[in-house]
Amino acid sequence: AHEMGVPITGLHPGDYEILSQGDG
């Protein structure tokens, strides 16, 4: 991205958090 001049943004595993899960 840096070589091509591309604005790049990463999504790290710490950027999302499961609050609750159940019944699909």
PDB file of all heavy atoms in Angstrom:
ATOM      1  N   ALA A   1       0.831  -1.213   0.000  1.00  0.00           N
ATOM      2  CA  ALA A   1       0.000   0.000   0.000  1.00  0.00           C
ATOM      3  C   ALA A   1       0.861   1.257   0.000  1.00  0.00           C
ATOM      4  O   ALA A   1       0.599   2.212  -0.744  1.00  0.00           O
ATOM      5  CB  ALA A   1      -0.934  -0.011   1.209  1.00  0.00           C
ATOM      6  N   HIS A   2       1.899   1.259   0.830  1.00  0.00           N
ATOM      7  CA  HIS A   2       2.773   2.441   0.901  1.00  0.00           C
ATOM      8  C   HIS A   2       3.492   2.668  -0.423  1.00  0.00           C
ATOM      9  O   HIS A   2       3.648   3.811  -0.869  1.00  0.00           O
ATOM     10  CB  HIS A   2       3.784   2.270   2.041  1.00  0.00           C
ATOM     11  CG  HIS A   2       3.156   2.392   3.397  1.00  0.00           C
ATOM     12  ND1 HIS A   2       3.796   2.051   4.570  1.00  0.00           N
ATOM     13  CD2 HIS A   2       1.920   2.806   3.770  1.00  0.00           C
ATOM     14  CE1 HIS A   2       2.987   2.268   5.598  1.00  0.00           C
ATOM     15  NE2 HIS A   2       1.848   2.723   5.132  1.00  0.00           N
ATOM     16  N   GLU A   3       3.923   1.597  -1.068  1.00  0.00           N
ATOM     17  CA  GLU A   3       4.622   1.736  -2.343  1.00  0.00           C
ATOM     18  C   GLU A   3       3.713   2.281  -3.435  1.00  0.00           C
ATOM     19  O   GLU A   3       4.168   2.980  -4.338  1.00  0.00           O
ATOM     20  CB  GLU A   3       5.180   0.371  -2.771  1.00  0.00           C
ATOM     21  CG  GLU A   3       6.331  -0.116  -1.894  1.00  0.00           C
ATOM     22  CD  GLU A   3       6.752  -1.541  -2.229  1.00  0.00           C
ATOM     23  OE1 GLU A   3       6.081  -2.171  -3.093  1.00  0.00           O
ATOM     24  OE2 GLU A   3       7.737  -2.029  -1.636  1.00  0.00           O
ATOM     25  N   MET A   4       2.400   1.971  -3.333  1.00  0.00           N
ATOM     26  CA  MET A   4       1.454   2.373  -4.386  1.00  0.00           C
ATOM     27  C   MET A   4       0.698   3.653  -4.069  1.00  0.00           C
ATOM     28  O   MET A   4      -0.069   4.137  -4.889  1.00  0.00           O
ATOM     29  CB  MET A   4       0.439   1.246  -4.616  1.00  0.00           C
ATOM     30  CG  MET A   4       1.018   0.010  -5.257  1.00  0.00           C
ATOM     31  SD  MET A   4      -0.296  -1.058  -5.879  1.00  0.00           S
ATOM     32  CE  MET A   4      -1.016  -0.010  -7.153  1.00  0.00           C
ATOM     33  N   GLY A   5       0.897   4.196  -2.882  1.00  0.00           N
ATOM     34  CA  GLY A   5       0.148   5.383  -2.497  1.00  0.00           C
ATOM     35  C   GLY A   5      -1.310   5.074  -2.210  1.00  0.00           C
ATOM     36  O   GLY A   5      -2.221   5.810  -2.642  1.00  0.00           O
ATOM     37  N   VAL A   6      -1.538   3.976  -1.473  1.00  0.00           N
ATOM     38  CA  VAL A   6      -2.898   3.527  -1.134  1.00  0.00           C
ATOM     39  C   VAL A   6      -3.189   3.832   0.327  1.00  0.00           C
ATOM     40  O   VAL A   6      -2.466   3.373   1.214  1.00  0.00           O
ATOM     41  CB  VAL A   6      -3.041   2.009  -1.383  1.00  0.00           C
ATOM     42  CG1 VAL A   6      -4.352   1.486  -0.820  1.00  0.00           C
ATOM     43  CG2 VAL A   6      -2.930   1.702  -2.877  1.00  0.00           C
ATOM     44  N   PRO A   7      -4.232   4.609   0.627  1.00  0.00           N
ATOM     45  CA  PRO A   7      -4.623   4.810   2.028  1.00  0.00           C
ATOM     46  C   PRO A   7      -5.147   3.478   2.578  1.00  0.00           C
ATOM     47  O   PRO A   7      -6.129   2.942   2.057  1.00  0.00           O
ATOM     48  CB  PRO A   7      -5.748   5.851   1.950  1.00  0.00           C
ATOM     49  CG  PRO A   7      -5.709   6.377   0.547  1.00  0.00           C
ATOM     50  CD  PRO A   7      -5.117   5.322  -0.302  1.00  0.00           C
ATOM     51  N   ILE A   8      -4.518   2.919   3.596  1.00  0.00           N
ATOM     52  CA  ILE A   8      -4.855   1.581   4.062  1.00  0.00           C
ATOM     53  C   ILE A   8      -5.205   1.587   5.548  1.00  0.00           C
ATOM     54  O   ILE A   8      -4.564   2.287   6.344  1.00  0.00           O
ATOM     55  CB  ILE A   8      -3.714   0.582   3.767  1.00  0.00           C
ATOM     56  CG1 ILE A   8      -4.162  -0.862   4.037  1.00  0.00           C
ATOM     57  CG2 ILE A   8      -2.448   0.929   4.533  1.00  0.00           C
ATOM     58  CD1 ILE A   8      -3.223  -1.905   3.462  1.00  0.00           C
ATOM     59  N   THR A   9      -6.235   0.825   5.916  1.00  0.00           N
ATOM     60  CA  THR A   9      -6.682   0.734   7.305  1.00  0.00           C
ATOM     61  C   THR A   9      -6.902  -0.723   7.647  1.00  0.00           C
ATOM     62  O   THR A   9      -7.585  -1.445   6.923  1.00  0.00           O
ATOM     63  CB  THR A   9      -8.002   1.501   7.510  1.00  0.00           C
ATOM     64  OG1 THR A   9      -7.859   2.836   7.038  1.00  0.00           O
ATOM     65  CG2 THR A   9      -8.393   1.513   8.984  1.00  0.00           C
ATOM     66  N   GLY A  10      -6.337  -1.162   8.767  1.00  0.00           N
ATOM     67  CA  GLY A  10      -6.477  -2.545   9.180  1.00  0.00           C
ATOM     68  C   GLY A  10      -7.520  -2.727  10.272  1.00  0.00           C
ATOM     69  O   GLY A  10      -7.722  -1.842  11.100  1.00  0.00           O
ATOM     70  N   LEU A  11      -8.173  -3.874  10.236  1.00  0.00           N
ATOM     71  CA  LEU A  11      -9.094  -4.268  11.301  1.00  0.00           C
ATOM     72  C   LEU A  11      -8.402  -5.334  12.126  1.00  0.00           C
ATOM     73  O   LEU A  11      -8.221  -6.470  11.675  1.00  0.00           O
ATOM     74  CB  LEU A  11     -10.403  -4.816  10.722  1.00  0.00           C
ATOM     75  CG  LEU A  11     -11.400  -5.323  11.765  1.00  0.00           C
ATOM     76  CD1 LEU A  11     -12.167  -4.157  12.389  1.00  0.00           C
ATOM     77  CD2 LEU A  11     -12.374  -6.332  11.163  1.00  0.00           C
ATOM     78  N   HIS A  12      -8.006  -4.990  13.346  1.00  0.00           N
ATOM     79  CA  HIS A  12      -7.308  -5.911  14.242  1.00  0.00           C
ATOM     80  C   HIS A  12      -8.333  -6.697  15.049  1.00  0.00           C
ATOM     81  O   HIS A  12      -9.434  -6.195  15.320  1.00  0.00           O
ATOM     82  CB  HIS A  12      -6.381  -5.118  15.168  1.00  0.00           C
ATOM     83  CG  HIS A  12      -5.454  -5.962  15.961  1.00  0.00           C
ATOM     84  ND1 HIS A  12      -5.779  -6.438  17.213  1.00  0.00           N
ATOM     85  CD2 HIS A  12      -4.216  -6.450  15.669  1.00  0.00           C
ATOM     86  CE1 HIS A  12      -4.773  -7.165  17.672  1.00  0.00           C
ATOM     87  NE2 HIS A  12      -3.818  -7.186  16.751  1.00  0.00           N
ATOM     88  N   PRO A  13      -8.012  -7.940  15.458  1.00  0.00           N
ATOM     89  CA  PRO A  13      -8.961  -8.700  16.292  1.00  0.00           C
ATOM     90  C   PRO A  13      -9.414  -7.956  17.543  1.00  0.00           C
ATOM     91  O   PRO A  13     -10.527  -8.179  18.031  1.00  0.00           O
ATOM     92  CB  PRO A  13      -8.167  -9.963  16.643  1.00  0.00           C
ATOM     93  CG  PRO A  13      -7.249 -10.165  15.473  1.00  0.00           C
ATOM     94  CD  PRO A  13      -6.854  -8.771  15.051  1.00  0.00           C
ATOM     95  N   GLY A  14      -8.593  -7.051  18.046  1.00  0.00           N
ATOM     96  CA  GLY A  14      -9.000  -6.264  19.208  1.00  0.00           C
ATOM     97  C   GLY A  14      -9.993  -5.167  18.882  1.00  0.00           C
ATOM     98  O   GLY A  14     -10.503  -4.496  19.797  1.00  0.00           O
ATOM     99  N   ASP A  15     -10.310  -4.986  17.603  1.00  0.00           N
ATOM    100  CA  ASP A  15     -11.238  -3.933  17.192  1.00  0.00           C
ATOM    101  C   ASP A  15     -12.695  -4.361  17.239  1.00  0.00           C
ATOM    102  O   ASP A  15     -13.589  -3.574  16.913  1.00  0.00           O
ATOM    103  CB  ASP A  15     -10.904  -3.453  15.773  1.00  0.00           C
ATOM    104  CG  ASP A  15      -9.588  -2.703  15.714  1.00  0.00           C
ATOM    105  OD1 ASP A  15      -9.208  -2.107  16.736  1.00  0.00           O
ATOM    106  OD2 ASP A  15      -8.936  -2.725  14.650  1.00  0.00           O
ATOM    107  N   TYR A  16     -12.953  -5.620  17.595  1.00  0.00           N
ATOM    108  CA  TYR A  16     -14.335  -6.077  17.744  1.00  0.00           C
ATOM    109  C   TYR A  16     -14.411  -7.062  18.905  1.00  0.00           C
ATOM    110  O   TYR A  16     -13.455  -7.771  19.213  1.00  0.00           O
ATOM    111  CB  TYR A  16     -14.851  -6.725  16.454  1.00  0.00           C
ATOM    112  CG  TYR A  16     -13.941  -7.781  15.875  1.00  0.00           C
ATOM    113  CD1 TYR A  16     -14.047  -9.119  16.247  1.00  0.00           C
ATOM    114  CD2 TYR A  16     -12.955  -7.426  14.945  1.00  0.00           C
ATOM    115  CE1 TYR A  16     -13.189 -10.076  15.726  1.00  0.00           C
ATOM    116  CE2 TYR A  16     -12.103  -8.378  14.413  1.00  0.00           C
ATOM    117  CZ  TYR A  16     -12.221  -9.700  14.808  1.00  0.00           C
ATOM    118  OH  TYR A  16     -11.370 -10.643  14.299  1.00  0.00           O
ATOM    119  N   GLU A  17     -15.557  -7.060  19.573  1.00  0.00           N
ATOM    120  CA  GLU A  17     -15.734  -7.870  20.777  1.00  0.00           C
ATOM    121  C   GLU A  17     -17.162  -8.410  20.810  1.00  0.00           C
ATOM    122  O   GLU A  17     -18.130  -7.661  20.650  1.00  0.00           O
ATOM    123  CB  GLU A  17     -15.478  -6.992  22.019  1.00  0.00           C
ATOM    124  CG  GLU A  17     -15.799  -7.661  23.335  1.00  0.00           C
ATOM    125  CD  GLU A  17     -15.814  -6.675  24.495  1.00  0.00           C
ATOM    126  OE1 GLU A  17     -15.721  -5.446  24.249  1.00  0.00           O
ATOM    127  OE2 GLU A  17     -15.942  -7.139  25.643  1.00  0.00           O
ATOM    128  N   ILE A  18     -17.288  -9.708  21.011  1.00  0.00           N
ATOM    129  CA  ILE A  18     -18.615 -10.316  21.134  1.00  0.00           C
ATOM    130  C   ILE A  18     -19.174 -10.022  22.525  1.00  0.00           C
ATOM    131  O   ILE A  18     -18.532 -10.271  23.543  1.00  0.00           O
ATOM    132  CB  ILE A  18     -18.545 -11.842  20.894  1.00  0.00           C
ATOM    133  CG1 ILE A  18     -18.171 -12.118  19.433  1.00  0.00           C
ATOM    134  CG2 ILE A  18     -19.876 -12.502  21.240  1.00  0.00           C
ATOM    135  CD1 ILE A  18     -18.025 -13.587  19.095  1.00  0.00           C
ATOM    136  N   LEU A  19     -20.366  -9.462  22.556  1.00  0.00           N
ATOM    137  CA  LEU A  19     -21.023  -9.132  23.821  1.00  0.00           C
ATOM    138  C   LEU A  19     -21.905 -10.275  24.307  1.00  0.00           C
ATOM    139  O   LEU A  19     -21.949 -10.576  25.502  1.00  0.00           O
ATOM    140  CB  LEU A  19     -21.862  -7.863  23.653  1.00  0.00           C
ATOM    141  CG  LEU A  19     -21.102  -6.606  23.215  1.00  0.00           C
ATOM    142  CD1 LEU A  19     -22.069  -5.454  22.991  1.00  0.00           C
ATOM    143  CD2 LEU A  19     -20.047  -6.228  24.260  1.00  0.00           C
ATOM    144  N   SER A  20     -22.633 -10.896  23.398  1.00  0.00           N
ATOM    145  CA  SER A  20     -23.487 -12.027  23.752  1.00  0.00           C
ATOM    146  C   SER A  20     -23.746 -12.854  22.512  1.00  0.00           C
ATOM    147  O   SER A  20     -23.675 -12.358  21.385  1.00  0.00           O
ATOM    148  CB  SER A  20     -24.821 -11.559  24.360  1.00  0.00           C
ATOM    149  OG  SER A  20     -25.563 -10.808  23.408  1.00  0.00           O
ATOM    150  N   GLN A  21     -24.048 -14.133  22.723  1.00  0.00           N
ATOM    151  CA  GLN A  21     -24.269 -15.044  21.611  1.00  0.00           C
ATOM    152  C   GLN A  21     -25.249 -16.124  22.029  1.00  0.00           C
ATOM    153  O   GLN A  21     -25.134 -16.695  23.118  1.00  0.00           O
ATOM    154  CB  GLN A  21     -22.940 -15.682  21.177  1.00  0.00           C
ATOM    155  CG  GLN A  21     -23.057 -16.668  20.042  1.00  0.00           C
ATOM    156  CD  GLN A  21     -21.714 -17.220  19.627  1.00  0.00           C
ATOM    157  OE1 GLN A  21     -20.687 -16.905  20.217  1.00  0.00           O
ATOM    158  NE2 GLN A  21     -21.708 -18.062  18.606  1.00  0.00           N
ATOM    159  N   GLY A  22     -26.217 -16.418  21.171  1.00  0.00           N
ATOM    160  CA  GLY A  22     -27.166 -17.484  21.451  1.00  0.00           C
ATOM    161  C   GLY A  22     -28.348 -17.453  20.517  1.00  0.00           C
ATOM    162  O   GLY A  22     -28.713 -16.397  19.985  1.00  0.00           O
ATOM    163  N   ASP A  23     -28.912 -18.627  20.277  1.00  0.00           N
ATOM    164  CA  ASP A  23     -30.106 -18.760  19.430  1.00  0.00           C
ATOM    165  C   ASP A  23     -29.914 -18.146  18.045  1.00  0.00           C
ATOM    166  O   ASP A  23     -30.820 -17.525  17.486  1.00  0.00           O
ATOM    167  CB  ASP A  23     -31.325 -18.136  20.112  1.00  0.00           C
ATOM    168  CG  ASP A  23     -31.679 -18.855  21.406  1.00  0.00           C
ATOM    169  OD1 ASP A  23     -31.538 -20.095  21.457  1.00  0.00           O
ATOM    170  OD2 ASP A  23     -32.078 -18.175  22.360  1.00  0.00           O
ATOM    171  N   GLY A  24     -28.717 -18.302  17.501  1.00  0.00           N
ATOM    172  CA  GLY A  24     -28.479 -17.827  16.151  1.00  0.00           C
ATOM    173  C   GLY A  24     -28.330 -16.332  16.008  1.00  0.00           C
ATOM    174  O   GLY A  24     -28.488 -15.793  14.909  1.00  0.00           O
TER     175      GLY A  24
END
